[in-house]
C-alpha cells in the first residue's frame, strides 16, 4: 500500500493521506473545495465548490497514476440536498464515464463547505 501526495490538491487536514494505492486500485480521501494554492475555501456557490472538488480529485488521481475516467465508484456528501441538481450538473461534466455513485445529505461538512466527494478508481 502506498500513500499519495500532490501539491496540486489540498494537504490533508487530519491524520490521513490524500489517497492510497493498493494493487491496481486508488482510494481517495474525501476532497472538499479548498484551493490548493491558498489553502482556503474560496468558492461560494455549490457549482463553484463542486468544480474545485472535482479539480482536487483530478489532481490526486493523476498523482496516483489514474484519472477521473478510471473512476469506478464515488461517494458524494452534500450539506444541503436542495443543491443536488446543481451539484449533478457540474459533477456530470467531470465524471463522463458515469461511475457507480452514492450521494447523501449530511448535517455538516469540514470547514462549513457545501460538498465533499471521494473516489475509488482503477490505476
PDB file of N, CA and C in Angstrom:
ATOM      1  N   UNK A   1       0.843  -1.173   0.000  1.00  0.00           N
ATOM      2  CA  UNK A   1       0.000   0.000   0.000  1.00  0.00           C
ATOM      3  C   UNK A   1       0.890   1.238   0.000  1.00  0.00           C
ATOM      4  N   UNK A   2       0.574   2.187  -0.874  1.00  0.00           N
ATOM      5  CA  UNK A   2       1.359   3.419  -0.980  1.00  0.00           C
ATOM      6  C   UNK A   2       0.469   4.640  -0.817  1.00  0.00           C
ATOM      7  N   UNK A   3       0.926   5.606  -0.034  1.00  0.00           N
ATOM      8  CA  UNK A   3       0.214   6.867   0.130  1.00  0.00           C
ATOM      9  C   UNK A   3       0.530   7.789  -1.036  1.00  0.00           C
ATOM     10  N   UNK A   4      -0.431   8.622  -1.381  1.00  0.00           N
ATOM     11  CA  UNK A   4      -0.291   9.568  -2.486  1.00  0.00           C
ATOM     12  C   UNK A   4      -0.313  10.982  -1.919  1.00  0.00           C
ATOM     13  N   UNK A   5       0.571  11.829  -2.463  1.00  0.00           N
ATOM     14  CA  UNK A   5       0.560  13.242  -2.099  1.00  0.00           C
ATOM     15  C   UNK A   5       0.889  14.080  -3.322  1.00  0.00           C
ATOM     16  N   UNK A   6       0.147  15.154  -3.514  1.00  0.00           N
ATOM     17  CA  UNK A   6       0.441  16.138  -4.542  1.00  0.00           C
ATOM     18  C   UNK A   6       0.190  17.530  -3.997  1.00  0.00           C
ATOM     19  N   UNK A   7       1.018  18.472  -4.422  1.00  0.00           N
ATOM     20  CA  UNK A   7       0.813  19.879  -4.059  1.00  0.00           C
ATOM     21  C   UNK A   7      -0.315  20.506  -4.870  1.00  0.00           C
ATOM     22  N   UNK A   8      -0.816  19.780  -5.882  1.00  0.00           N
ATOM     23  CA  UNK A   8      -1.880  20.303  -6.737  1.00  0.00           C
ATOM     24  C   UNK A   8      -3.273  20.069  -6.171  1.00  0.00           C
ATOM     25  N   UNK A   9      -3.324  19.527  -4.967  1.00  0.00           N
ATOM     26  CA  UNK A   9      -4.576  19.349  -4.228  1.00  0.00           C
ATOM     27  C   UNK A   9      -4.288  19.750  -2.787  1.00  0.00           C
ATOM     28  N   UNK A  10      -5.312  20.080  -2.028  1.00  0.00           N
ATOM     29  CA  UNK A  10      -5.074  20.497  -0.646  1.00  0.00           C
ATOM     30  C   UNK A  10      -4.449  19.385   0.194  1.00  0.00           C
ATOM     31  N   UNK A  11      -3.571  19.782   1.076  1.00  0.00           N
ATOM     32  CA  UNK A  11      -2.979  18.831   2.012  1.00  0.00           C
ATOM     33  C   UNK A  11      -4.072  18.322   2.949  1.00  0.00           C
ATOM     34  N   UNK A  12      -3.881  17.137   3.458  1.00  0.00           N
ATOM     35  CA  UNK A  12      -4.835  16.569   4.409  1.00  0.00           C
ATOM     36  C   UNK A  12      -4.951  17.476   5.636  1.00  0.00           C
ATOM     37  N   UNK A  13      -6.163  17.628   6.147  1.00  0.00           N
ATOM     38  CA  UNK A  13      -6.368  18.456   7.333  1.00  0.00           C
ATOM     39  C   UNK A  13      -6.489  17.592   8.588  1.00  0.00           C
ATOM     40  N   UNK A  14      -6.003  16.370   8.484  1.00  0.00           N
ATOM     41  CA  UNK A  14      -6.028  15.438   9.603  1.00  0.00           C
ATOM     42  C   UNK A  14      -5.030  14.331   9.359  1.00  0.00           C
ATOM     43  N   UNK A  15      -5.058  13.302  10.177  1.00  0.00           N
ATOM     44  CA  UNK A  15      -4.099  12.194  10.058  1.00  0.00           C
ATOM     45  C   UNK A  15      -4.526  11.165   9.006  1.00  0.00           C
ATOM     46  N   UNK A  16      -4.482  11.573   7.735  1.00  0.00           N
ATOM     47  CA  UNK A  16      -4.843  10.689   6.633  1.00  0.00           C
ATOM     48  C   UNK A  16      -4.096  11.121   5.375  1.00  0.00           C
ATOM     49  N   UNK A  17      -4.138  10.286   4.354  1.00  0.00           N
ATOM     50  CA  UNK A  17      -3.487  10.555   3.079  1.00  0.00           C
ATOM     51  C   UNK A  17      -4.499  11.121   2.084  1.00  0.00           C
ATOM     52  N   UNK A  18      -4.012  11.851   1.084  1.00  0.00           N
ATOM     53  CA  UNK A  18      -4.894  12.322   0.017  1.00  0.00           C
ATOM     54  C   UNK A  18      -5.503  11.119  -0.720  1.00  0.00           C
ATOM     55  N   UNK A  19      -4.715  10.067  -0.855  1.00  0.00           N
ATOM     56  CA  UNK A  19      -5.186   8.827  -1.473  1.00  0.00           C
ATOM     57  C   UNK A  19      -4.232   7.713  -1.091  1.00  0.00           C
ATOM     58  N   UNK A  20      -4.691   6.490  -1.295  1.00  0.00           N
ATOM     59  CA  UNK A  20      -3.880   5.304  -1.075  1.00  0.00           C
ATOM     60  C   UNK A  20      -4.030   4.425  -2.306  1.00  0.00           C
ATOM     61  N   UNK A  21      -2.898   3.885  -2.764  1.00  0.00           N
ATOM     62  CA  UNK A  21      -2.906   2.937  -3.879  1.00  0.00           C
ATOM     63  C   UNK A  21      -2.585   1.562  -3.320  1.00  0.00           C
ATOM     64  N   UNK A  22      -3.425   0.608  -3.649  1.00  0.00           N
ATOM     65  CA  UNK A  22      -3.161  -0.773  -3.288  1.00  0.00           C
ATOM     66  C   UNK A  22      -3.507  -1.632  -4.496  1.00  0.00           C
ATOM     67  N   UNK A  23      -2.560  -2.435  -4.928  1.00  0.00           N
ATOM     68  CA  UNK A  23      -2.765  -3.210  -6.139  1.00  0.00           C
ATOM     69  C   UNK A  23      -3.010  -2.287  -7.310  1.00  0.00           C
ATOM     70  N   UNK A  24      -4.110  -2.522  -8.019  1.00  0.00           N
ATOM     71  CA  UNK A  24      -4.461  -1.726  -9.190  1.00  0.00           C
ATOM     72  C   UNK A  24      -5.575  -0.719  -8.875  1.00  0.00           C
ATOM     73  N   UNK A  25      -5.786  -0.433  -7.579  1.00  0.00           N
ATOM     74  CA  UNK A  25      -6.883   0.443  -7.184  1.00  0.00           C
ATOM     75  C   UNK A  25      -6.386   1.668  -6.427  1.00  0.00           C
ATOM     76  N   UNK A  26      -7.089   2.778  -6.628  1.00  0.00           N
ATOM     77  CA  UNK A  26      -6.806   4.033  -5.936  1.00  0.00           C
ATOM     78  C   UNK A  26      -8.037   4.395  -5.116  1.00  0.00           C
ATOM     79  N   UNK A  27      -7.820   4.690  -3.848  1.00  0.00           N
ATOM     80  CA  UNK A  27      -8.883   5.113  -2.937  1.00  0.00           C
ATOM     81  C   UNK A  27      -8.552   6.524  -2.474  1.00  0.00           C
ATOM     82  N   UNK A  28      -9.329   7.504  -2.912  1.00  0.00           N
ATOM     83  CA  UNK A  28      -9.057   8.873  -2.465  1.00  0.00           C
ATOM     84  C   UNK A  28      -9.764   9.140  -1.148  1.00  0.00           C
ATOM     85  N   UNK A  29      -9.201  10.036  -0.388  1.00  0.00           N
ATOM     86  CA  UNK A  29      -9.923  10.578   0.754  1.00  0.00           C
ATOM     87  C   UNK A  29     -10.935  11.568   0.209  1.00  0.00           C
ATOM     88  N   UNK A  30     -11.909  11.904   0.995  1.00  0.00           N
ATOM     89  CA  UNK A  30     -12.875  12.903   0.564  1.00  0.00           C
ATOM     90  C   UNK A  30     -12.181  14.225   0.315  1.00  0.00           C
ATOM     91  N   UNK A  31     -12.497  14.838  -0.801  1.00  0.00           N
ATOM     92  CA  UNK A  31     -11.950  16.143  -1.136  1.00  0.00           C
ATOM     93  C   UNK A  31     -13.028  17.191  -0.939  1.00  0.00           C
ATOM     94  N   UNK A  32     -12.632  18.286  -0.320  1.00  0.00           N
ATOM     95  CA  UNK A  32     -13.522  19.427  -0.154  1.00  0.00           C
ATOM     96  C   UNK A  32     -12.969  20.577  -0.998  1.00  0.00           C
ATOM     97  N   UNK A  33     -13.746  21.636  -1.198  1.00  0.00           N
ATOM     98  CA  UNK A  33     -13.347  22.690  -2.127  1.00  0.00           C
ATOM     99  C   UNK A  33     -12.326  23.684  -1.568  1.00  0.00           C
ATOM    100  N   UNK A  34     -11.188  23.156  -1.173  1.00  0.00           N
ATOM    101  CA  UNK A  34     -10.087  24.014  -0.742  1.00  0.00           C
ATOM    102  C   UNK A  34      -9.194  24.273  -1.947  1.00  0.00           C
ATOM    103  N   UNK A  35      -8.863  25.521  -2.176  1.00  0.00           N
ATOM    104  CA  UNK A  35      -7.934  25.878  -3.233  1.00  0.00           C
ATOM    105  C   UNK A  35      -6.533  25.496  -2.761  1.00  0.00           C
ATOM    106  N   UNK A  36      -5.836  24.594  -3.473  1.00  0.00           N
ATOM    107  CA  UNK A  36      -4.523  24.144  -3.000  1.00  0.00           C
ATOM    108  C   UNK A  36      -3.474  25.251  -2.988  1.00  0.00           C
ATOM    109  N   UNK A  37      -3.655  26.280  -3.810  1.00  0.00           N
ATOM    110  CA  UNK A  37      -2.685  27.375  -3.865  1.00  0.00           C
ATOM    111  C   UNK A  37      -2.750  28.262  -2.622  1.00  0.00           C
ATOM    112  N   UNK A  38      -3.957  28.404  -2.050  1.00  0.00           N
ATOM    113  CA  UNK A  38      -4.119  29.300  -0.906  1.00  0.00           C
ATOM    114  C   UNK A  38      -4.430  28.566   0.396  1.00  0.00           C
ATOM    115  N   UNK A  39      -4.933  27.337   0.285  1.00  0.00           N
ATOM    116  CA  UNK A  39      -5.340  26.595   1.470  1.00  0.00           C
ATOM    117  C   UNK A  39      -6.670  27.043   2.026  1.00  0.00           C
ATOM    118  N   UNK A  40      -7.398  27.850   1.247  1.00  0.00           N
ATOM    119  CA  UNK A  40      -8.673  28.390   1.707  1.00  0.00           C
ATOM    120  C   UNK A  40      -9.836  27.894   0.859  1.00  0.00           C
ATOM    121  N   UNK A  41     -11.025  27.937   1.435  1.00  0.00           N
ATOM    122  CA  UNK A  41     -12.253  27.704   0.683  1.00  0.00           C
ATOM    123  C   UNK A  41     -12.620  29.055   0.083  1.00  0.00           C
ATOM    124  N   UNK A  42     -12.475  29.178  -1.229  1.00  0.00           N
ATOM    125  CA  UNK A  42     -12.730  30.462  -1.885  1.00  0.00           C
ATOM    126  C   UNK A  42     -14.006  30.470  -2.697  1.00  0.00           C
ATOM    127  N   UNK A  43     -14.489  29.291  -3.059  1.00  0.00           N
ATOM    128  CA  UNK A  43     -15.695  29.183  -3.872  1.00  0.00           C
ATOM    129  C   UNK A  43     -16.924  29.380  -2.993  1.00  0.00           C
ATOM    130  N   UNK A  44     -17.899  30.104  -3.509  1.00  0.00           N
ATOM    131  CA  UNK A  44     -19.081  30.411  -2.714  1.00  0.00           C
ATOM    132  C   UNK A  44     -20.285  29.553  -3.083  1.00  0.00           C
ATOM    133  N   UNK A  45     -20.542  29.381  -4.361  1.00  0.00           N
ATOM    134  CA  UNK A  45     -21.741  28.657  -4.787  1.00  0.00           C
ATOM    135  C   UNK A  45     -21.475  27.156  -4.816  1.00  0.00           C
ATOM    136  N   UNK A  46     -22.532  26.373  -4.840  1.00  0.00           N
ATOM    137  CA  UNK A  46     -22.383  24.921  -4.937  1.00  0.00           C
ATOM    138  C   UNK A  46     -21.691  24.554  -6.245  1.00  0.00           C
ATOM    139  N   UNK A  47     -21.983  25.261  -7.313  1.00  0.00           N
ATOM    140  CA  UNK A  47     -21.334  24.982  -8.595  1.00  0.00           C
ATOM    141  C   UNK A  47     -19.829  25.224  -8.518  1.00  0.00           C
ATOM    142  N   UNK A  48     -19.428  26.352  -7.941  1.00  0.00           N
ATOM    143  CA  UNK A  48     -18.000  26.667  -7.799  1.00  0.00           C
ATOM    144  C   UNK A  48     -17.312  25.661  -6.875  1.00  0.00           C
ATOM    145  N   UNK A  49     -17.983  25.297  -5.789  1.00  0.00           N
ATOM    146  CA  UNK A  49     -17.389  24.345  -4.856  1.00  0.00           C
ATOM    147  C   UNK A  49     -17.272  22.962  -5.492  1.00  0.00           C
ATOM    148  N   UNK A  50     -18.274  22.544  -6.247  1.00  0.00           N
ATOM    149  CA  UNK A  50     -18.210  21.240  -6.913  1.00  0.00           C
ATOM    150  C   UNK A  50     -17.059  21.217  -7.915  1.00  0.00           C
ATOM    151  N   UNK A  51     -16.884  22.293  -8.653  1.00  0.00           N
ATOM    152  CA  UNK A  51     -15.789  22.379  -9.624  1.00  0.00           C
ATOM    153  C   UNK A  51     -14.445  22.239  -8.914  1.00  0.00           C
ATOM    154  N   UNK A  52     -14.255  22.936  -7.790  1.00  0.00           N
ATOM    155  CA  UNK A  52     -12.978  22.850  -7.064  1.00  0.00           C
ATOM    156  C   UNK A  52     -12.749  21.450  -6.518  1.00  0.00           C
ATOM    157  N   UNK A  53     -13.795  20.827  -6.005  1.00  0.00           N
ATOM    158  CA  UNK A  53     -13.684  19.446  -5.515  1.00  0.00           C
ATOM    159  C   UNK A  53     -13.232  18.526  -6.646  1.00  0.00           C
ATOM    160  N   UNK A  54     -13.858  18.655  -7.807  1.00  0.00           N
ATOM    161  CA  UNK A  54     -13.508  17.794  -8.940  1.00  0.00           C
ATOM    162  C   UNK A  54     -12.088  18.060  -9.429  1.00  0.00           C
ATOM    163  N   UNK A  55     -11.660  19.302  -9.419  1.00  0.00           N
ATOM    164  CA  UNK A  55     -10.274  19.623  -9.801  1.00  0.00           C
ATOM    165  C   UNK A  55      -9.296  19.020  -8.797  1.00  0.00           C
ATOM    166  N   UNK A  56      -9.641  19.059  -7.515  1.00  0.00           N
ATOM    167  CA  UNK A  56      -8.780  18.453  -6.493  1.00  0.00           C
ATOM    168  C   UNK A  56      -8.701  16.938  -6.688  1.00  0.00           C
ATOM    169  N   UNK A  57      -9.835  16.313  -6.952  1.00  0.00           N
ATOM    170  CA  UNK A  57      -9.846  14.866  -7.192  1.00  0.00           C
ATOM    171  C   UNK A  57      -9.042  14.502  -8.431  1.00  0.00           C
ATOM    172  N   UNK A  58      -9.184  15.295  -9.472  1.00  0.00           N
ATOM    173  CA  UNK A  58      -8.432  15.073 -10.706  1.00  0.00           C
ATOM    174  C   UNK A  58      -6.932  15.088 -10.415  1.00  0.00           C
ATOM    175  N   UNK A  59      -6.470  16.053  -9.629  1.00  0.00           N
ATOM    176  CA  UNK A  59      -5.045  16.167  -9.290  1.00  0.00           C
ATOM    177  C   UNK A  59      -4.565  14.974  -8.462  1.00  0.00           C
ATOM    178  N   UNK A  60      -5.351  14.565  -7.495  1.00  0.00           N
ATOM    179  CA  UNK A  60      -4.970  13.430  -6.645  1.00  0.00           C
ATOM    180  C   UNK A  60      -4.913  12.148  -7.474  1.00  0.00           C
ATOM    181  N   UNK A  61      -5.922  11.926  -8.299  1.00  0.00           N
ATOM    182  CA  UNK A  61      -5.933  10.719  -9.126  1.00  0.00           C
ATOM    183  C   UNK A  61      -4.755  10.703 -10.103  1.00  0.00           C
ATOM    184  N   UNK A  62      -4.452  11.833 -10.696  1.00  0.00           N
ATOM    185  CA  UNK A  62      -3.308  11.895 -11.611  1.00  0.00           C
ATOM    186  C   UNK A  62      -2.005  11.608 -10.881  1.00  0.00           C
ATOM    187  N   UNK A  63      -1.864  12.114  -9.660  1.00  0.00           N
ATOM    188  CA  UNK A  63      -0.655  11.848  -8.862  1.00  0.00           C
ATOM    189  C   UNK A  63      -0.540  10.360  -8.533  1.00  0.00           C
ATOM    190  N   UNK A  64      -1.677   9.682  -8.492  1.00  0.00           N
ATOM    191  CA  UNK A  64      -1.698   8.247  -8.195  1.00  0.00           C
ATOM    192  C   UNK A  64      -1.558   7.395  -9.454  1.00  0.00           C
ATOM    193  N   UNK A  65      -1.457   8.046 -10.620  1.00  0.00           N
ATOM    194  CA  UNK A  65      -1.346   7.301 -11.867  1.00  0.00           C
ATOM    195  C   UNK A  65      -2.683   6.885 -12.436  1.00  0.00           C
ATOM    196  N   UNK A  66      -3.739   7.603 -12.079  1.00  0.00           N
ATOM    197  CA  UNK A  66      -5.084   7.287 -12.536  1.00  0.00           C
ATOM    198  C   UNK A  66      -5.711   8.541 -13.129  1.00  0.00           C
ATOM    199  N   UNK A  67      -7.028   8.530 -13.260  1.00  0.00           N
ATOM    200  CA  UNK A  67      -7.737   9.685 -13.807  1.00  0.00           C
ATOM    201  C   UNK A  67      -9.218   9.591 -13.440  1.00  0.00           C
ATOM    202  N   UNK A  68      -9.922  10.680 -13.660  1.00  0.00           N
ATOM    203  CA  UNK A  68     -11.365  10.674 -13.421  1.00  0.00           C
ATOM    204  C   UNK A  68     -12.069   9.648 -14.305  1.00  0.00           C
ATOM    205  N   UNK A  69     -11.544   9.421 -15.502  1.00  0.00           N
ATOM    206  CA  UNK A  69     -12.141   8.472 -16.434  1.00  0.00           C
ATOM    207  C   UNK A  69     -12.053   7.037 -15.932  1.00  0.00           C
ATOM    208  N   UNK A  70     -11.159   6.779 -14.986  1.00  0.00           N
ATOM    209  CA  UNK A  70     -10.989   5.430 -14.452  1.00  0.00           C
ATOM    210  C   UNK A  70     -11.743   5.227 -13.134  1.00  0.00           C
ATOM    211  N   UNK A  71     -12.539   6.223 -12.749  1.00  0.00           N
ATOM    212  CA  UNK A  71     -13.334   6.111 -11.523  1.00  0.00           C
ATOM    213  C   UNK A  71     -14.373   5.008 -11.679  1.00  0.00           C
ATOM    214  N   UNK A  72     -14.479   4.163 -10.665  1.00  0.00           N
ATOM    215  CA  UNK A  72     -15.483   3.106 -10.681  1.00  0.00           C
ATOM    216  C   UNK A  72     -16.592   3.362  -9.660  1.00  0.00           C
ATOM    217  N   UNK A  73     -16.309   4.186  -8.634  1.00  0.00           N
ATOM    218  CA  UNK A  73     -17.304   4.464  -7.589  1.00  0.00           C
ATOM    219  C   UNK A  73     -16.980   5.793  -6.941  1.00  0.00           C
ATOM    220  N   UNK A  74     -17.994   6.608  -6.738  1.00  0.00           N
ATOM    221  CA  UNK A  74     -17.824   7.839  -5.973  1.00  0.00           C
ATOM    222  C   UNK A  74     -18.827   7.850  -4.828  1.00  0.00           C
ATOM    223  N   UNK A  75     -18.456   8.529  -3.780  1.00  0.00           N
ATOM    224  CA  UNK A  75     -19.372   8.796  -2.677  1.00  0.00           C
ATOM    225  C   UNK A  75     -19.397  10.306  -2.507  1.00  0.00           C
ATOM    226  N   UNK A  76     -20.588  10.879  -2.582  1.00  0.00           N
ATOM    227  CA  UNK A  76     -20.757  12.328  -2.560  1.00  0.00           C
ATOM    228  C   UNK A  76     -21.561  12.727  -1.330  1.00  0.00           C
ATOM    229  N   UNK A  77     -21.120  13.788  -0.696  1.00  0.00           N
ATOM    230  CA  UNK A  77     -21.773  14.295   0.502  1.00  0.00           C
ATOM    231  C   UNK A  77     -22.180  15.740   0.242  1.00  0.00           C
ATOM    232  N   UNK A  78     -23.441  16.058   0.488  1.00  0.00           N
ATOM    233  CA  UNK A  78     -23.949  17.415   0.320  1.00  0.00           C
ATOM    234  C   UNK A  78     -24.434  17.944   1.661  1.00  0.00           C
ATOM    235  N   UNK A  79     -24.135  19.185   1.942  1.00  0.00           N
ATOM    236  CA  UNK A  79     -24.622  19.805   3.172  1.00  0.00           C
ATOM    237  C   UNK A  79     -26.111  20.149   3.051  1.00  0.00           C
ATOM    238  N   UNK A  80     -26.586  20.288   1.811  1.00  0.00           N
ATOM    239  CA  UNK A  80     -27.996  20.619   1.572  1.00  0.00           C
ATOM    240  C   UNK A  80     -28.483  19.832   0.360  1.00  0.00           C
ATOM    241  N   UNK A  81     -29.421  18.931   0.558  1.00  0.00           N
ATOM    242  CA  UNK A  81     -29.919  18.101  -0.537  1.00  0.00           C
ATOM    243  C   UNK A  81     -30.580  18.942  -1.622  1.00  0.00           C
ATOM    244  N   UNK A  82     -30.977  20.164  -1.308  1.00  0.00           N
ATOM    245  CA  UNK A  82     -31.545  21.056  -2.316  1.00  0.00           C
ATOM    246  C   UNK A  82     -30.511  21.464  -3.363  1.00  0.00           C
ATOM    247  N   UNK A  83     -29.225  21.226  -3.093  1.00  0.00           N
ATOM    248  CA  UNK A  83     -28.150  21.509  -4.052  1.00  0.00           C
ATOM    249  C   UNK A  83     -27.919  20.351  -5.020  1.00  0.00           C
ATOM    250  N   UNK A  84     -28.710  19.283  -4.902  1.00  0.00           N
ATOM    251  CA  UNK A  84     -28.496  18.061  -5.680  1.00  0.00           C
ATOM    252  C   UNK A  84     -28.423  18.321  -7.185  1.00  0.00           C
ATOM    253  N   UNK A  85     -29.379  19.033  -7.750  1.00  0.00           N
ATOM    254  CA  UNK A  85     -29.405  19.267  -9.196  1.00  0.00           C
ATOM    255  C   UNK A  85     -28.215  20.100  -9.655  1.00  0.00           C
ATOM    256  N   UNK A  86     -27.894  21.144  -8.932  1.00  0.00           N
ATOM    257  CA  UNK A  86     -26.757  21.998  -9.304  1.00  0.00           C
ATOM    258  C   UNK A  86     -25.442  21.236  -9.174  1.00  0.00           C
ATOM    259  N   UNK A  87     -25.316  20.435  -8.116  1.00  0.00           N
ATOM    260  CA  UNK A  87     -24.133  19.591  -7.930  1.00  0.00           C
ATOM    261  C   UNK A  87     -24.006  18.625  -9.105  1.00  0.00           C
ATOM    262  N   UNK A  88     -25.092  17.952  -9.461  1.00  0.00           N
ATOM    263  CA  UNK A  88     -25.089  16.980 -10.551  1.00  0.00           C
ATOM    264  C   UNK A  88     -24.648  17.593 -11.872  1.00  0.00           C
ATOM    265  N   UNK A  89     -25.068  18.821 -12.139  1.00  0.00           N
ATOM    266  CA  UNK A  89     -24.738  19.473 -13.403  1.00  0.00           C
ATOM    267  C   UNK A  89     -23.222  19.601 -13.567  1.00  0.00           C
ATOM    268  N   UNK A  90     -22.535  20.021 -12.516  1.00  0.00           N
ATOM    269  CA  UNK A  90     -21.075  20.173 -12.581  1.00  0.00           C
ATOM    270  C   UNK A  90     -20.400  18.813 -12.500  1.00  0.00           C
ATOM    271  N   UNK A  91     -20.824  17.966 -11.592  1.00  0.00           N
ATOM    272  CA  UNK A  91     -20.265  16.623 -11.423  1.00  0.00           C
ATOM    273  C   UNK A  91     -20.275  15.879 -12.761  1.00  0.00           C
ATOM    274  N   UNK A  92     -21.372  15.970 -13.499  1.00  0.00           N
ATOM    275  CA  UNK A  92     -21.523  15.277 -14.773  1.00  0.00           C
ATOM    276  C   UNK A  92     -20.545  15.732 -15.836  1.00  0.00           C
ATOM    277  N   UNK A  93     -20.043  16.954 -15.732  1.00  0.00           N
ATOM    278  CA  UNK A  93     -19.037  17.458 -16.671  1.00  0.00           C
ATOM    279  C   UNK A  93     -17.686  16.782 -16.437  1.00  0.00           C
ATOM    280  N   UNK A  94     -17.431  16.348 -15.217  1.00  0.00           N
ATOM    281  CA  UNK A  94     -16.152  15.733 -14.859  1.00  0.00           C
ATOM    282  C   UNK A  94     -16.197  14.206 -14.943  1.00  0.00           C
ATOM    283  N   UNK A  95     -17.272  13.613 -14.475  1.00  0.00           N
ATOM    284  CA  UNK A  95     -17.383  12.155 -14.434  1.00  0.00           C
ATOM    285  C   UNK A  95     -18.239  11.680 -15.609  1.00  0.00           C
ATOM    286  N   UNK A  96     -17.684  11.817 -16.809  1.00  0.00           N
ATOM    287  CA  UNK A  96     -18.418  11.499 -18.028  1.00  0.00           C
ATOM    288  C   UNK A  96     -18.591   9.999 -18.238  1.00  0.00           C
ATOM    289  N   UNK A  97     -17.782   9.187 -17.555  1.00  0.00           N
ATOM    290  CA  UNK A  97     -17.905   7.730 -17.675  1.00  0.00           C
ATOM    291  C   UNK A  97     -19.006   7.156 -16.777  1.00  0.00           C
ATOM    292  N   UNK A  98     -19.622   8.008 -15.975  1.00  0.00           N
ATOM    293  CA  UNK A  98     -20.743   7.642 -15.111  1.00  0.00           C
ATOM    294  C   UNK A  98     -20.436   6.459 -14.191  1.00  0.00           C
ATOM    295  N   UNK A  99     -19.484   6.652 -13.253  1.00  0.00           N
ATOM    296  CA  UNK A  99     -19.192   5.566 -12.310  1.00  0.00           C
ATOM    297  C   UNK A  99     -20.386   5.332 -11.373  1.00  0.00           C
ATOM    298  N   UNK A 100     -20.370   4.194 -10.692  1.00  0.00           N
ATOM    299  CA  UNK A 100     -21.366   3.958  -9.647  1.00  0.00           C
ATOM    300  C   UNK A 100     -21.232   5.077  -8.615  1.00  0.00           C
ATOM    301  N   UNK A 101     -22.332   5.416  -7.937  1.00  0.00           N
ATOM    302  CA  UNK A 101     -22.266   6.558  -7.031  1.00  0.00           C
ATOM    303  C   UNK A 101     -23.300   6.460  -5.929  1.00  0.00           C
ATOM    304  N   UNK A 102     -22.922   6.964  -4.767  1.00  0.00           N
ATOM    305  CA  UNK A 102     -23.854   7.228  -3.683  1.00  0.00           C
ATOM    306  C   UNK A 102     -23.789   8.723  -3.429  1.00  0.00           C
ATOM    307  N   UNK A 103     -24.916   9.341  -3.140  1.00  0.00           N
ATOM    308  CA  UNK A 103     -24.940  10.771  -2.834  1.00  0.00           C
ATOM    309  C   UNK A 103     -25.923  10.975  -1.688  1.00  0.00           C
ATOM    310  N   UNK A 104     -25.426  11.523  -0.600  1.00  0.00           N
ATOM    311  CA  UNK A 104     -26.256  11.710   0.583  1.00  0.00           C
ATOM    312  C   UNK A 104     -26.103  13.123   1.134  1.00  0.00           C
ATOM    313  N   UNK A 105     -27.131  13.573   1.815  1.00  0.00           N
ATOM    314  CA  UNK A 105     -27.057  14.837   2.537  1.00  0.00           C
ATOM    315  C   UNK A 105     -26.592  14.530   3.950  1.00  0.00           C
ATOM    316  N   UNK A 106     -25.748  15.387   4.471  1.00  0.00           N
ATOM    317  CA  UNK A 106     -25.214  15.225   5.820  1.00  0.00           C
ATOM    318  C   UNK A 106     -25.455  16.511   6.614  1.00  0.00           C
ATOM    319  N   UNK A 107     -25.357  16.404   7.917  1.00  0.00           N
ATOM    320  CA  UNK A 107     -25.613  17.563   8.761  1.00  0.00           C
ATOM    321  C   UNK A 107     -24.582  18.663   8.563  1.00  0.00           C
ATOM    322  N   UNK A 108     -23.305  18.301   8.573  1.00  0.00           N
ATOM    323  CA  UNK A 108     -22.222  19.272   8.439  1.00  0.00           C
ATOM    324  C   UNK A 108     -21.065  18.644   7.690  1.00  0.00           C
ATOM    325  N   UNK A 109     -20.248  19.494   7.071  1.00  0.00           N
ATOM    326  CA  UNK A 109     -19.011  19.066   6.426  1.00  0.00           C
ATOM    327  C   UNK A 109     -17.870  19.924   6.958  1.00  0.00           C
ATOM    328  N   UNK A 110     -16.621  19.428   6.870  1.00  0.00           N
ATOM    329  CA  UNK A 110     -15.489  20.202   7.379  1.00  0.00           C
ATOM    330  C   UNK A 110     -15.433  21.609   6.777  1.00  0.00           C
ATOM    331  N   UNK A 111     -15.056  22.551   7.595  1.00  0.00           N
ATOM    332  CA  UNK A 111     -14.874  23.945   7.194  1.00  0.00           C
ATOM    333  C   UNK A 111     -16.146  24.585   6.648  1.00  0.00           C
ATOM    334  N   UNK A 112     -17.298  23.987   6.944  1.00  0.00           N
ATOM    335  CA  UNK A 112     -18.573  24.565   6.528  1.00  0.00           C
ATOM    336  C   UNK A 112     -18.833  24.527   5.030  1.00  0.00           C
ATOM    337  N   UNK A 113     -18.165  23.620   4.308  1.00  0.00           N
ATOM    338  CA  UNK A 113     -18.332  23.560   2.855  1.00  0.00           C
ATOM    339  C   UNK A 113     -19.666  22.922   2.482  1.00  0.00           C
ATOM    340  N   UNK A 114     -20.009  23.054   1.204  1.00  0.00           N
ATOM    341  CA  UNK A 114     -21.291  22.557   0.712  1.00  0.00           C
ATOM    342  C   UNK A 114     -21.220  21.126   0.182  1.00  0.00           C
ATOM    343  N   UNK A 115     -20.003  20.644  -0.183  1.00  0.00           N
ATOM    344  CA  UNK A 115     -19.909  19.305  -0.757  1.00  0.00           C
ATOM    345  C   UNK A 115     -18.542  18.688  -0.499  1.00  0.00           C
ATOM    346  N   UNK A 116     -18.516  17.367  -0.553  1.00  0.00           N
ATOM    347  CA  UNK A 116     -17.296  16.574  -0.422  1.00  0.00           C
ATOM    348  C   UNK A 116     -17.497  15.324  -1.281  1.00  0.00           C
ATOM    349  N   UNK A 117     -16.431  14.886  -1.956  1.00  0.00           N
ATOM    350  CA  UNK A 117     -16.511  13.697  -2.808  1.00  0.00           C
ATOM    351  C   UNK A 117     -15.273  12.844  -2.607  1.00  0.00           C
ATOM    352  N   UNK A 118     -15.475  11.532  -2.529  1.00  0.00           N
ATOM    353  CA  UNK A 118     -14.359  10.583  -2.520  1.00  0.00           C
ATOM    354  C   UNK A 118     -14.524   9.633  -3.704  1.00  0.00           C
ATOM    355  N   UNK A 119     -13.403   9.064  -4.154  1.00  0.00           N
ATOM    356  CA  UNK A 119     -13.411   8.248  -5.375  1.00  0.00           C
ATOM    357  C   UNK A 119     -12.644   6.952  -5.159  1.00  0.00           C
ATOM    358  N   UNK A 120     -13.145   5.892  -5.754  1.00  0.00           N
ATOM    359  CA  UNK A 120     -12.392   4.647  -5.931  1.00  0.00           C
ATOM    360  C   UNK A 120     -12.191   4.520  -7.436  1.00  0.00           C
ATOM    361  N   UNK A 121     -10.935   4.332  -7.849  1.00  0.00           N
ATOM    362  CA  UNK A 121     -10.620   4.266  -9.279  1.00  0.00           C
ATOM    363  C   UNK A 121      -9.625   3.173  -9.568  1.00  0.00           C
ATOM    364  N   UNK A 122      -9.612   2.720 -10.821  1.00  0.00           N
ATOM    365  CA  UNK A 122      -8.561   1.815 -11.271  1.00  0.00           C
ATOM    366  C   UNK A 122      -7.321   2.640 -11.566  1.00  0.00           C
ATOM    367  N   UNK A 123      -6.196   1.996 -11.435  1.00  0.00           N
ATOM    368  CA  UNK A 123      -4.936   2.691 -11.716  1.00  0.00           C
ATOM    369  C   UNK A 123      -4.646   2.640 -13.196  1.00  0.00           C
TER     370      UNK A 123
END
